[in-house]
């Protein structure tokens, strides 16, 4: 199975969106594995270092795999925040939009 390659212009657009906005909601795919949770946490820590306001969301009630209990994910929310429409959506380790939750995600700001 091959995966699409990210272009330089796509990477530049992501960097621009991060520079130009201050509020984010970060998510990943349902039933996350280690790389999804690691990507989620890394994005949160990176945005924190940049002084951005970010919220990690993993939609749904499925428990996290026990082997990842060492990750500091106490701030992980399981529902979209009320102000989701005022935040930029950053989906990590997720190739398909349908895997990140309900239609509420469509309310997040599009850049």
PDB file of N, CA and C in Angstrom:
ATOM      1  N   UNK A   1       0.838  -1.172   0.000  1.00  0.00           N
ATOM      2  CA  UNK A   1       0.000   0.000   0.000  1.00  0.00           C
ATOM      3  C   UNK A   1       0.882   1.233   0.000  1.00  0.00           C
ATOM      4  N   UNK A   2       0.642   2.125  -0.909  1.00  0.00           N
ATOM      5  CA  UNK A   2       1.432   3.348  -0.966  1.00  0.00           C
ATOM      6  C   UNK A   2       0.648   4.496  -0.345  1.00  0.00           C
ATOM      7  N   UNK A   3       1.371   5.459   0.180  1.00  0.00           N
ATOM      8  CA  UNK A   3       0.719   6.627   0.754  1.00  0.00           C
ATOM      9  C   UNK A   3       1.077   7.847  -0.075  1.00  0.00           C
ATOM     10  N   UNK A   4       0.161   8.813  -0.148  1.00  0.00           N
ATOM     11  CA  UNK A   4       0.448  10.009  -0.937  1.00  0.00           C
ATOM     12  C   UNK A   4       1.580  10.807  -0.295  1.00  0.00           C
ATOM     13  N   UNK A   5       2.373  11.420  -1.107  1.00  0.00           N
ATOM     14  CA  UNK A   5       3.473  12.238  -0.618  1.00  0.00           C
ATOM     15  C   UNK A   5       2.997  13.656  -0.359  1.00  0.00           C
ATOM     16  N   UNK A   6       3.439  14.231   0.732  1.00  0.00           N
ATOM     17  CA  UNK A   6       3.103  15.607   1.054  1.00  0.00           C
ATOM     18  C   UNK A   6       4.024  16.517   0.261  1.00  0.00           C
ATOM     19  N   UNK A   7       3.453  17.527  -0.377  1.00  0.00           N
ATOM     20  CA  UNK A   7       4.249  18.441  -1.184  1.00  0.00           C
ATOM     21  C   UNK A   7       4.799  19.572  -0.330  1.00  0.00           C
ATOM     22  N   UNK A   8       5.802  20.236  -0.857  1.00  0.00           N
ATOM     23  CA  UNK A   8       6.399  21.376  -0.158  1.00  0.00           C
ATOM     24  C   UNK A   8       5.370  22.479   0.044  1.00  0.00           C
ATOM     25  N   UNK A   9       4.492  22.672  -0.923  1.00  0.00           N
ATOM     26  CA  UNK A   9       3.474  23.725  -0.777  1.00  0.00           C
ATOM     27  C   UNK A   9       2.456  23.360   0.308  1.00  0.00           C
ATOM     28  N   UNK A  10       2.145  22.068   0.451  1.00  0.00           N
ATOM     29  CA  UNK A  10       1.236  21.643   1.520  1.00  0.00           C
ATOM     30  C   UNK A  10       1.876  21.849   2.892  1.00  0.00           C
ATOM     31  N   UNK A  11       3.160  21.518   2.995  1.00  0.00           N
ATOM     32  CA  UNK A  11       3.865  21.743   4.263  1.00  0.00           C
ATOM     33  C   UNK A  11       3.935  23.230   4.591  1.00  0.00           C
ATOM     34  N   UNK A  12       4.165  24.043   3.591  1.00  0.00           N
ATOM     35  CA  UNK A  12       4.219  25.496   3.790  1.00  0.00           C
ATOM     36  C   UNK A  12       2.859  26.020   4.251  1.00  0.00           C
ATOM     37  N   UNK A  13       1.781  25.480   3.701  1.00  0.00           N
ATOM     38  CA  UNK A  13       0.436  25.908   4.095  1.00  0.00           C
ATOM     39  C   UNK A  13       0.164  25.560   5.560  1.00  0.00           C
ATOM     40  N   UNK A  14       0.609  24.386   6.000  1.00  0.00           N
ATOM     41  CA  UNK A  14       0.439  23.995   7.403  1.00  0.00           C
ATOM     42  C   UNK A  14       1.249  24.930   8.304  1.00  0.00           C
ATOM     43  N   UNK A  15       2.490  25.191   7.935  1.00  0.00           N
ATOM     44  CA  UNK A  15       3.339  26.092   8.731  1.00  0.00           C
ATOM     45  C   UNK A  15       2.719  27.484   8.805  1.00  0.00           C
ATOM     46  N   UNK A  16       2.195  27.968   7.672  1.00  0.00           N
ATOM     47  CA  UNK A  16       1.538  29.278   7.655  1.00  0.00           C
ATOM     48  C   UNK A  16       0.329  29.302   8.580  1.00  0.00           C
ATOM     49  N   UNK A  17      -0.486  28.240   8.535  1.00  0.00           N
ATOM     50  CA  UNK A  17      -1.677  28.181   9.391  1.00  0.00           C
ATOM     51  C   UNK A  17      -1.289  28.197  10.867  1.00  0.00           C
ATOM     52  N   UNK A  18      -0.230  27.500  11.207  1.00  0.00           N
ATOM     53  CA  UNK A  18       0.225  27.484  12.603  1.00  0.00           C
ATOM     54  C   UNK A  18       0.745  28.863  13.009  1.00  0.00           C
ATOM     55  N   UNK A  19       1.503  29.500  12.118  1.00  0.00           N
ATOM     56  CA  UNK A  19       2.008  30.844  12.423  1.00  0.00           C
ATOM     57  C   UNK A  19       0.885  31.865  12.548  1.00  0.00           C
ATOM     58  N   UNK A  20      -0.113  31.771  11.687  1.00  0.00           N
ATOM     59  CA  UNK A  20      -1.136  32.809  11.568  1.00  0.00           C
ATOM     60  C   UNK A  20      -2.299  32.667  12.550  1.00  0.00           C
ATOM     61  N   UNK A  21      -2.433  31.545  13.206  1.00  0.00           N
ATOM     62  CA  UNK A  21      -3.552  31.321  14.122  1.00  0.00           C
ATOM     63  C   UNK A  21      -3.049  31.023  15.524  1.00  0.00           C
ATOM     64  N   UNK A  22      -3.920  31.269  16.485  1.00  0.00           N
ATOM     65  CA  UNK A  22      -3.530  31.089  17.884  1.00  0.00           C
ATOM     66  C   UNK A  22      -4.279  29.977  18.607  1.00  0.00           C
ATOM     67  N   UNK A  23      -5.397  29.512  18.035  1.00  0.00           N
ATOM     68  CA  UNK A  23      -6.233  28.542  18.741  1.00  0.00           C
ATOM     69  C   UNK A  23      -6.462  27.321  17.860  1.00  0.00           C
ATOM     70  N   UNK A  24      -6.196  26.141  18.437  1.00  0.00           N
ATOM     71  CA  UNK A  24      -6.254  24.886  17.676  1.00  0.00           C
ATOM     72  C   UNK A  24      -7.002  23.814  18.449  1.00  0.00           C
ATOM     73  N   UNK A  25      -7.589  22.899  17.703  1.00  0.00           N
ATOM     74  CA  UNK A  25      -8.077  21.643  18.262  1.00  0.00           C
ATOM     75  C   UNK A  25      -7.321  20.550  17.505  1.00  0.00           C
ATOM     76  N   UNK A  26      -6.656  19.688  18.257  1.00  0.00           N
ATOM     77  CA  UNK A  26      -5.815  18.641  17.677  1.00  0.00           C
ATOM     78  C   UNK A  26      -6.519  17.307  17.884  1.00  0.00           C
ATOM     79  N   UNK A  27      -6.541  16.493  16.841  1.00  0.00           N
ATOM     80  CA  UNK A  27      -7.183  15.190  16.952  1.00  0.00           C
ATOM     81  C   UNK A  27      -6.431  14.169  16.111  1.00  0.00           C
ATOM     82  N   UNK A  28      -6.834  12.921  16.266  1.00  0.00           N
ATOM     83  CA  UNK A  28      -6.283  11.837  15.473  1.00  0.00           C
ATOM     84  C   UNK A  28      -7.396  10.827  15.206  1.00  0.00           C
ATOM     85  N   UNK A  29      -7.056   9.729  14.605  1.00  0.00           N
ATOM     86  CA  UNK A  29      -8.075   8.759  14.219  1.00  0.00           C
ATOM     87  C   UNK A  29      -8.632   7.983  15.407  1.00  0.00           C
ATOM     88  N   UNK A  30      -9.834   7.448  15.199  1.00  0.00           N
ATOM     89  CA  UNK A  30     -10.477   6.607  16.219  1.00  0.00           C
ATOM     90  C   UNK A  30      -9.624   5.379  16.501  1.00  0.00           C
ATOM     91  N   UNK A  31      -9.793   4.797  17.662  1.00  0.00           N
ATOM     92  CA  UNK A  31      -9.023   3.619  18.078  1.00  0.00           C
ATOM     93  C   UNK A  31      -7.528   3.829  17.828  1.00  0.00           C
ATOM     94  N   UNK A  32      -6.953   4.845  18.453  1.00  0.00           N
ATOM     95  CA  UNK A  32      -5.578   5.218  18.147  1.00  0.00           C
ATOM     96  C   UNK A  32      -4.554   4.184  18.583  1.00  0.00           C
ATOM     97  N   UNK A  33      -3.492   4.108  17.806  1.00  0.00           N
ATOM     98  CA  UNK A  33      -2.350   3.279  18.156  1.00  0.00           C
ATOM     99  C   UNK A  33      -1.262   4.210  18.704  1.00  0.00           C
ATOM    100  N   UNK A  34      -0.100   3.678  18.943  1.00  0.00           N
ATOM    101  CA  UNK A  34       0.978   4.453  19.551  1.00  0.00           C
ATOM    102  C   UNK A  34       1.427   5.637  18.722  1.00  0.00           C
ATOM    103  N   UNK A  35       1.532   5.465  17.402  1.00  0.00           N
ATOM    104  CA  UNK A  35       1.990   6.596  16.602  1.00  0.00           C
ATOM    105  C   UNK A  35       0.939   7.690  16.536  1.00  0.00           C
ATOM    106  N   UNK A  36      -0.343   7.345  16.590  1.00  0.00           N
ATOM    107  CA  UNK A  36      -1.400   8.358  16.601  1.00  0.00           C
ATOM    108  C   UNK A  36      -1.360   9.148  17.916  1.00  0.00           C
ATOM    109  N   UNK A  37      -1.249   8.437  19.035  1.00  0.00           N
ATOM    110  CA  UNK A  37      -1.197   9.118  20.329  1.00  0.00           C
ATOM    111  C   UNK A  37       0.085   9.934  20.472  1.00  0.00           C
ATOM    112  N   UNK A  38       1.197   9.384  19.997  1.00  0.00           N
ATOM    113  CA  UNK A  38       2.457  10.123  20.040  1.00  0.00           C
ATOM    114  C   UNK A  38       2.404  11.383  19.191  1.00  0.00           C
ATOM    115  N   UNK A  39       1.797  11.290  18.026  1.00  0.00           N
ATOM    116  CA  UNK A  39       1.656  12.456  17.147  1.00  0.00           C
ATOM    117  C   UNK A  39       0.758  13.507  17.780  1.00  0.00           C
ATOM    118  N   UNK A  40      -0.316  13.060  18.407  1.00  0.00           N
ATOM    119  CA  UNK A  40      -1.244  13.959  19.082  1.00  0.00           C
ATOM    120  C   UNK A  40      -0.526  14.723  20.194  1.00  0.00           C
ATOM    121  N   UNK A  41       0.189  13.991  21.018  1.00  0.00           N
ATOM    122  CA  UNK A  41       0.908  14.603  22.131  1.00  0.00           C
ATOM    123  C   UNK A  41       2.024  15.519  21.636  1.00  0.00           C
ATOM    124  N   UNK A  42       2.761  15.099  20.626  1.00  0.00           N
ATOM    125  CA  UNK A  42       3.843  15.933  20.088  1.00  0.00           C
ATOM    126  C   UNK A  42       3.307  17.244  19.519  1.00  0.00           C
ATOM    127  N   UNK A  43       2.183  17.176  18.816  1.00  0.00           N
ATOM    128  CA  UNK A  43       1.581  18.399  18.269  1.00  0.00           C
ATOM    129  C   UNK A  43       1.170  19.339  19.394  1.00  0.00           C
ATOM    130  N   UNK A  44       0.564  18.777  20.449  1.00  0.00           N
ATOM    131  CA  UNK A  44       0.156  19.587  21.599  1.00  0.00           C
ATOM    132  C   UNK A  44       1.366  20.252  22.250  1.00  0.00           C
ATOM    133  N   UNK A  45       2.409  19.482  22.492  1.00  0.00           N
ATOM    134  CA  UNK A  45       3.613  20.037  23.132  1.00  0.00           C
ATOM    135  C   UNK A  45       4.273  21.096  22.252  1.00  0.00           C
ATOM    136  N   UNK A  46       4.305  20.858  20.950  1.00  0.00           N
ATOM    137  CA  UNK A  46       4.882  21.835  20.020  1.00  0.00           C
ATOM    138  C   UNK A  46       4.089  23.131  20.005  1.00  0.00           C
ATOM    139  N   UNK A  47       2.772  23.029  19.951  1.00  0.00           N
ATOM    140  CA  UNK A  47       1.938  24.231  19.964  1.00  0.00           C
ATOM    141  C   UNK A  47       2.062  24.963  21.298  1.00  0.00           C
ATOM    142  N   UNK A  48       2.153  24.223  22.388  1.00  0.00           N
ATOM    143  CA  UNK A  48       2.378  24.845  23.697  1.00  0.00           C
ATOM    144  C   UNK A  48       3.676  25.650  23.691  1.00  0.00           C
ATOM    145  N   UNK A  49       4.731  25.076  23.128  1.00  0.00           N
ATOM    146  CA  UNK A  49       6.030  25.768  23.073  1.00  0.00           C
ATOM    147  C   UNK A  49       5.962  27.054  22.253  1.00  0.00           C
ATOM    148  N   UNK A  50       5.049  27.088  21.297  1.00  0.00           N
ATOM    149  CA  UNK A  50       4.865  28.283  20.467  1.00  0.00           C
ATOM    150  C   UNK A  50       3.910  29.287  21.104  1.00  0.00           C
ATOM    151  N   UNK A  51       3.394  28.961  22.275  1.00  0.00           N
ATOM    152  CA  UNK A  51       2.472  29.854  22.967  1.00  0.00           C
ATOM    153  C   UNK A  51       1.056  29.821  22.411  1.00  0.00           C
ATOM    154  N   UNK A  52       0.713  28.755  21.712  1.00  0.00           N
ATOM    155  CA  UNK A  52      -0.618  28.609  21.120  1.00  0.00           C
ATOM    156  C   UNK A  52      -1.573  27.970  22.123  1.00  0.00           C
ATOM    157  N   UNK A  53      -2.850  28.267  21.978  1.00  0.00           N
ATOM    158  CA  UNK A  53      -3.903  27.666  22.789  1.00  0.00           C
ATOM    159  C   UNK A  53      -4.408  26.450  22.022  1.00  0.00           C
ATOM    160  N   UNK A  54      -4.170  25.270  22.560  1.00  0.00           N
ATOM    161  CA  UNK A  54      -4.588  24.061  21.854  1.00  0.00           C
ATOM    162  C   UNK A  54      -5.258  23.082  22.800  1.00  0.00           C
ATOM    163  N   UNK A  55      -6.181  22.314  22.234  1.00  0.00           N
ATOM    164  CA  UNK A  55      -6.939  21.307  22.966  1.00  0.00           C
ATOM    165  C   UNK A  55      -6.803  19.994  22.213  1.00  0.00           C
ATOM    166  N   UNK A  56      -6.454  18.920  22.925  1.00  0.00           N
ATOM    167  CA  UNK A  56      -6.398  17.590  22.310  1.00  0.00           C
ATOM    168  C   UNK A  56      -7.756  16.920  22.470  1.00  0.00           C
ATOM    169  N   UNK A  57      -8.271  16.369  21.369  1.00  0.00           N
ATOM    170  CA  UNK A  57      -9.560  15.687  21.407  1.00  0.00           C
ATOM    171  C   UNK A  57      -9.434  14.334  20.720  1.00  0.00           C
ATOM    172  N   UNK A  58      -9.933  13.330  21.390  1.00  0.00           N
ATOM    173  CA  UNK A  58     -10.096  12.019  20.780  1.00  0.00           C
ATOM    174  C   UNK A  58     -11.561  11.687  20.939  1.00  0.00           C
ATOM    175  N   UNK A  59     -12.305  11.812  19.862  1.00  0.00           N
ATOM    176  CA  UNK A  59     -13.743  11.650  19.948  1.00  0.00           C
ATOM    177  C   UNK A  59     -14.110  10.192  20.242  1.00  0.00           C
ATOM    178  N   UNK A  60     -15.116  10.028  21.071  1.00  0.00           N
ATOM    179  CA  UNK A  60     -15.619   8.697  21.389  1.00  0.00           C
ATOM    180  C   UNK A  60     -15.219   8.246  22.781  1.00  0.00           C
ATOM    181  N   UNK A  61     -15.733   7.104  23.157  1.00  0.00           N
ATOM    182  CA  UNK A  61     -15.528   6.596  24.513  1.00  0.00           C
ATOM    183  C   UNK A  61     -14.630   5.371  24.596  1.00  0.00           C
ATOM    184  N   UNK A  62     -14.096   4.917  23.481  1.00  0.00           N
ATOM    185  CA  UNK A  62     -13.237   3.730  23.507  1.00  0.00           C
ATOM    186  C   UNK A  62     -12.025   3.999  24.396  1.00  0.00           C
ATOM    187  N   UNK A  63     -11.686   3.070  25.263  1.00  0.00           N
ATOM    188  CA  UNK A  63     -10.532   3.279  26.145  1.00  0.00           C
ATOM    189  C   UNK A  63      -9.224   3.301  25.350  1.00  0.00           C
ATOM    190  N   UNK A  64      -8.267   4.037  25.873  1.00  0.00           N
ATOM    191  CA  UNK A  64      -6.942   4.055  25.261  1.00  0.00           C
ATOM    192  C   UNK A  64      -6.248   2.736  25.551  1.00  0.00           C
ATOM    193  N   UNK A  65      -5.432   2.262  24.631  1.00  0.00           N
ATOM    194  CA  UNK A  65      -4.677   1.031  24.891  1.00  0.00           C
ATOM    195  C   UNK A  65      -3.801   1.192  26.139  1.00  0.00           C
ATOM    196  N   UNK A  66      -3.842   0.217  27.024  1.00  0.00           N
ATOM    197  CA  UNK A  66      -3.127   0.281  28.287  1.00  0.00           C
ATOM    198  C   UNK A  66      -1.629   0.466  28.164  1.00  0.00           C
ATOM    199  N   UNK A  67      -1.038  -0.027  27.078  1.00  0.00           N
ATOM    200  CA  UNK A  67       0.418   0.087  26.937  1.00  0.00           C
ATOM    201  C   UNK A  67       0.890   1.520  26.733  1.00  0.00           C
ATOM    202  N   UNK A  68      -0.052   2.455  26.532  1.00  0.00           N
ATOM    203  CA  UNK A  68       0.324   3.857  26.343  1.00  0.00           C
ATOM    204  C   UNK A  68      -0.011   4.696  27.572  1.00  0.00           C
ATOM    205  N   UNK A  69      -0.263   4.052  28.688  1.00  0.00           N
ATOM    206  CA  UNK A  69      -0.618   4.759  29.923  1.00  0.00           C
ATOM    207  C   UNK A  69       0.503   5.671  30.417  1.00  0.00           C
ATOM    208  N   UNK A  70       1.725   5.432  29.985  1.00  0.00           N
ATOM    209  CA  UNK A  70       2.855   6.264  30.409  1.00  0.00           C
ATOM    210  C   UNK A  70       2.830   7.651  29.773  1.00  0.00           C
ATOM    211  N   UNK A  71       2.060   7.818  28.694  1.00  0.00           N
ATOM    212  CA  UNK A  71       2.008   9.110  28.005  1.00  0.00           C
ATOM    213  C   UNK A  71       1.186  10.103  28.827  1.00  0.00           C
ATOM    214  N   UNK A  72       1.664  11.337  28.957  1.00  0.00           N
ATOM    215  CA  UNK A  72       0.919  12.340  29.731  1.00  0.00           C
ATOM    216  C   UNK A  72      -0.269  12.892  28.935  1.00  0.00           C
ATOM    217  N   UNK A  73      -1.363  12.145  28.972  1.00  0.00           N
ATOM    218  CA  UNK A  73      -2.549  12.498  28.189  1.00  0.00           C
ATOM    219  C   UNK A  73      -3.730  12.889  29.077  1.00  0.00           C
ATOM    220  N   UNK A  74      -3.458  13.342  30.293  1.00  0.00           N
ATOM    221  CA  UNK A  74      -4.539  13.696  31.218  1.00  0.00           C
ATOM    222  C   UNK A  74      -5.427  14.807  30.662  1.00  0.00           C
ATOM    223  N   UNK A  75      -4.886  15.683  29.831  1.00  0.00           N
ATOM    224  CA  UNK A  75      -5.661  16.798  29.269  1.00  0.00           C
ATOM    225  C   UNK A  75      -6.485  16.391  28.048  1.00  0.00           C
ATOM    226  N   UNK A  76      -6.364  15.141  27.630  1.00  0.00           N
ATOM    227  CA  UNK A  76      -7.102  14.664  26.460  1.00  0.00           C
ATOM    228  C   UNK A  76      -8.601  14.713  26.727  1.00  0.00           C
ATOM    229  N   UNK A  77      -9.325  15.398  25.857  1.00  0.00           N
ATOM    230  CA  UNK A  77     -10.777  15.489  25.973  1.00  0.00           C
ATOM    231  C   UNK A  77     -11.430  14.464  25.057  1.00  0.00           C
ATOM    232  N   UNK A  78     -12.618  14.017  25.409  1.00  0.00           N
ATOM    233  CA  UNK A  78     -13.311  13.007  24.616  1.00  0.00           C
ATOM    234  C   UNK A  78     -14.505  13.571  23.849  1.00  0.00           C
ATOM    235  N   UNK A  79     -14.718  14.856  23.921  1.00  0.00           N
ATOM    236  CA  UNK A  79     -15.774  15.539  23.172  1.00  0.00           C
ATOM    237  C   UNK A  79     -15.201  16.828  22.584  1.00  0.00           C
ATOM    238  N   UNK A  80     -15.771  17.246  21.472  1.00  0.00           N
ATOM    239  CA  UNK A  80     -15.333  18.504  20.850  1.00  0.00           C
ATOM    240  C   UNK A  80     -15.640  19.649  21.797  1.00  0.00           C
ATOM    241  N   UNK A  81     -14.719  20.609  21.940  1.00  0.00           N
ATOM    242  CA  UNK A  81     -14.984  21.740  22.839  1.00  0.00           C
ATOM    243  C   UNK A  81     -16.100  22.625  22.282  1.00  0.00           C
ATOM    244  N   UNK A  82     -16.753  23.347  23.162  1.00  0.00           N
ATOM    245  CA  UNK A  82     -17.845  24.225  22.739  1.00  0.00           C
ATOM    246  C   UNK A  82     -17.378  25.280  21.739  1.00  0.00           C
ATOM    247  N   UNK A  83     -16.128  25.672  21.828  1.00  0.00           N
ATOM    248  CA  UNK A  83     -15.614  26.713  20.930  1.00  0.00           C
ATOM    249  C   UNK A  83     -14.890  26.137  19.709  1.00  0.00           C
ATOM    250  N   UNK A  84     -15.237  24.917  19.307  1.00  0.00           N
ATOM    251  CA  UNK A  84     -14.555  24.258  18.182  1.00  0.00           C
ATOM    252  C   UNK A  84     -14.603  25.106  16.915  1.00  0.00           C
ATOM    253  N   UNK A  85     -15.680  25.848  16.713  1.00  0.00           N
ATOM    254  CA  UNK A  85     -15.799  26.647  15.492  1.00  0.00           C
ATOM    255  C   UNK A  85     -14.833  27.832  15.477  1.00  0.00           C
ATOM    256  N   UNK A  86     -14.232  28.138  16.610  1.00  0.00           N
ATOM    257  CA  UNK A  86     -13.276  29.240  16.705  1.00  0.00           C
ATOM    258  C   UNK A  86     -11.827  28.749  16.656  1.00  0.00           C
ATOM    259  N   UNK A  87     -11.643  27.451  16.478  1.00  0.00           N
ATOM    260  CA  UNK A  87     -10.309  26.865  16.472  1.00  0.00           C
ATOM    261  C   UNK A  87      -9.981  26.273  15.106  1.00  0.00           C
ATOM    262  N   UNK A  88      -8.702  26.198  14.804  1.00  0.00           N
ATOM    263  CA  UNK A  88      -8.228  25.537  13.588  1.00  0.00           C
ATOM    264  C   UNK A  88      -8.052  24.051  13.909  1.00  0.00           C
ATOM    265  N   UNK A  89      -8.571  23.207  13.049  1.00  0.00           N
ATOM    266  CA  UNK A  89      -8.455  21.763  13.233  1.00  0.00           C
ATOM    267  C   UNK A  89      -7.107  21.279  12.709  1.00  0.00           C
ATOM    268  N   UNK A  90      -6.383  20.577  13.556  1.00  0.00           N
ATOM    269  CA  UNK A  90      -5.129  19.941  13.167  1.00  0.00           C
ATOM    270  C   UNK A  90      -5.299  18.443  13.413  1.00  0.00           C
ATOM    271  N   UNK A  91      -5.473  17.687  12.338  1.00  0.00           N
ATOM    272  CA  UNK A  91      -5.633  16.233  12.432  1.00  0.00           C
ATOM    273  C   UNK A  91      -4.298  15.582  12.123  1.00  0.00           C
ATOM    274  N   UNK A  92      -3.808  14.770  13.042  1.00  0.00           N
ATOM    275  CA  UNK A  92      -2.505  14.120  12.876  1.00  0.00           C
ATOM    276  C   UNK A  92      -2.687  12.614  12.720  1.00  0.00           C
ATOM    277  N   UNK A  93      -1.812  12.012  11.934  1.00  0.00           N
ATOM    278  CA  UNK A  93      -1.812  10.563  11.719  1.00  0.00           C
ATOM    279  C   UNK A  93      -3.193  10.056  11.315  1.00  0.00           C
ATOM    280  N   UNK A  94      -3.835  10.793  10.435  1.00  0.00           N
ATOM    281  CA  UNK A  94      -5.196  10.429  10.037  1.00  0.00           C
ATOM    282  C   UNK A  94      -5.377  10.749   8.556  1.00  0.00           C
ATOM    283  N   UNK A  95      -5.460   9.719   7.752  1.00  0.00           N
ATOM    284  CA  UNK A  95      -5.567   9.911   6.313  1.00  0.00           C
ATOM    285  C   UNK A  95      -7.005  10.073   5.840  1.00  0.00           C
ATOM    286  N   UNK A  96      -7.972   9.844   6.726  1.00  0.00           N
ATOM    287  CA  UNK A  96      -9.364   9.872   6.306  1.00  0.00           C
ATOM    288  C   UNK A  96     -10.197  10.655   7.312  1.00  0.00           C
ATOM    289  N   UNK A  97     -10.804  11.733   6.868  1.00  0.00           N
ATOM    290  CA  UNK A  97     -11.591  12.612   7.729  1.00  0.00           C
ATOM    291  C   UNK A  97     -12.706  11.878   8.474  1.00  0.00           C
ATOM    292  N   UNK A  98     -13.245  10.849   7.879  1.00  0.00           N
ATOM    293  CA  UNK A  98     -14.356  10.133   8.517  1.00  0.00           C
ATOM    294  C   UNK A  98     -13.945   9.421   9.803  1.00  0.00           C
ATOM    295  N   UNK A  99     -12.642   9.303  10.055  1.00  0.00           N
ATOM    296  CA  UNK A  99     -12.178   8.572  11.245  1.00  0.00           C
ATOM    297  C   UNK A  99     -11.931   9.466  12.461  1.00  0.00           C
ATOM    298  N   UNK A 100     -12.294  10.764  12.384  1.00  0.00           N
ATOM    299  CA  UNK A 100     -11.995  11.642  13.516  1.00  0.00           C
ATOM    300  C   UNK A 100     -13.203  12.018  14.358  1.00  0.00           C
ATOM    301  N   UNK A 101     -14.367  11.503  14.077  1.00  0.00           N
ATOM    302  CA  UNK A 101     -15.510  11.780  14.943  1.00  0.00           C
ATOM    303  C   UNK A 101     -16.759  12.154  14.182  1.00  0.00           C
ATOM    304  N   UNK A 102     -17.637  12.821  14.878  1.00  0.00           N
ATOM    305  CA  UNK A 102     -18.936  13.163  14.310  1.00  0.00           C
ATOM    306  C   UNK A 102     -18.868  14.410  13.446  1.00  0.00           C
ATOM    307  N   UNK A 103     -20.002  14.808  12.915  1.00  0.00           N
ATOM    308  CA  UNK A 103     -20.067  15.978  12.046  1.00  0.00           C
ATOM    309  C   UNK A 103     -19.720  17.266  12.766  1.00  0.00           C
ATOM    310  N   UNK A 104     -19.628  17.250  14.082  1.00  0.00           N
ATOM    311  CA  UNK A 104     -19.224  18.443  14.827  1.00  0.00           C
ATOM    312  C   UNK A 104     -17.863  18.919  14.353  1.00  0.00           C
ATOM    313  N   UNK A 105     -17.036  18.002  13.893  1.00  0.00           N
ATOM    314  CA  UNK A 105     -15.696  18.386  13.420  1.00  0.00           C
ATOM    315  C   UNK A 105     -15.780  19.369  12.271  1.00  0.00           C
ATOM    316  N   UNK A 106     -16.869  19.327  11.496  1.00  0.00           N
ATOM    317  CA  UNK A 106     -17.017  20.234  10.364  1.00  0.00           C
ATOM    318  C   UNK A 106     -17.133  21.678  10.823  1.00  0.00           C
ATOM    319  N   UNK A 107     -17.390  21.895  12.100  1.00  0.00           N
ATOM    320  CA  UNK A 107     -17.509  23.240  12.629  1.00  0.00           C
ATOM    321  C   UNK A 107     -16.166  23.906  12.860  1.00  0.00           C
ATOM    322  N   UNK A 108     -15.095  23.112  12.904  1.00  0.00           N
ATOM    323  CA  UNK A 108     -13.778  23.706  13.143  1.00  0.00           C
ATOM    324  C   UNK A 108     -13.403  24.601  11.983  1.00  0.00           C
ATOM    325  N   UNK A 109     -12.640  25.628  12.279  1.00  0.00           N
ATOM    326  CA  UNK A 109     -12.229  26.598  11.259  1.00  0.00           C
ATOM    327  C   UNK A 109     -11.448  25.922  10.165  1.00  0.00           C
ATOM    328  N   UNK A 110     -11.733  26.317   8.981  1.00  0.00           N
ATOM    329  CA  UNK A 110     -10.986  25.823   7.823  1.00  0.00           C
ATOM    330  C   UNK A 110     -10.019  26.911   7.396  1.00  0.00           C
ATOM    331  N   UNK A 111      -8.777  26.531   7.134  1.00  0.00           N
ATOM    332  CA  UNK A 111      -7.794  27.533   6.710  1.00  0.00           C
ATOM    333  C   UNK A 111      -7.326  27.253   5.300  1.00  0.00           C
TER     334      UNK A 111
END
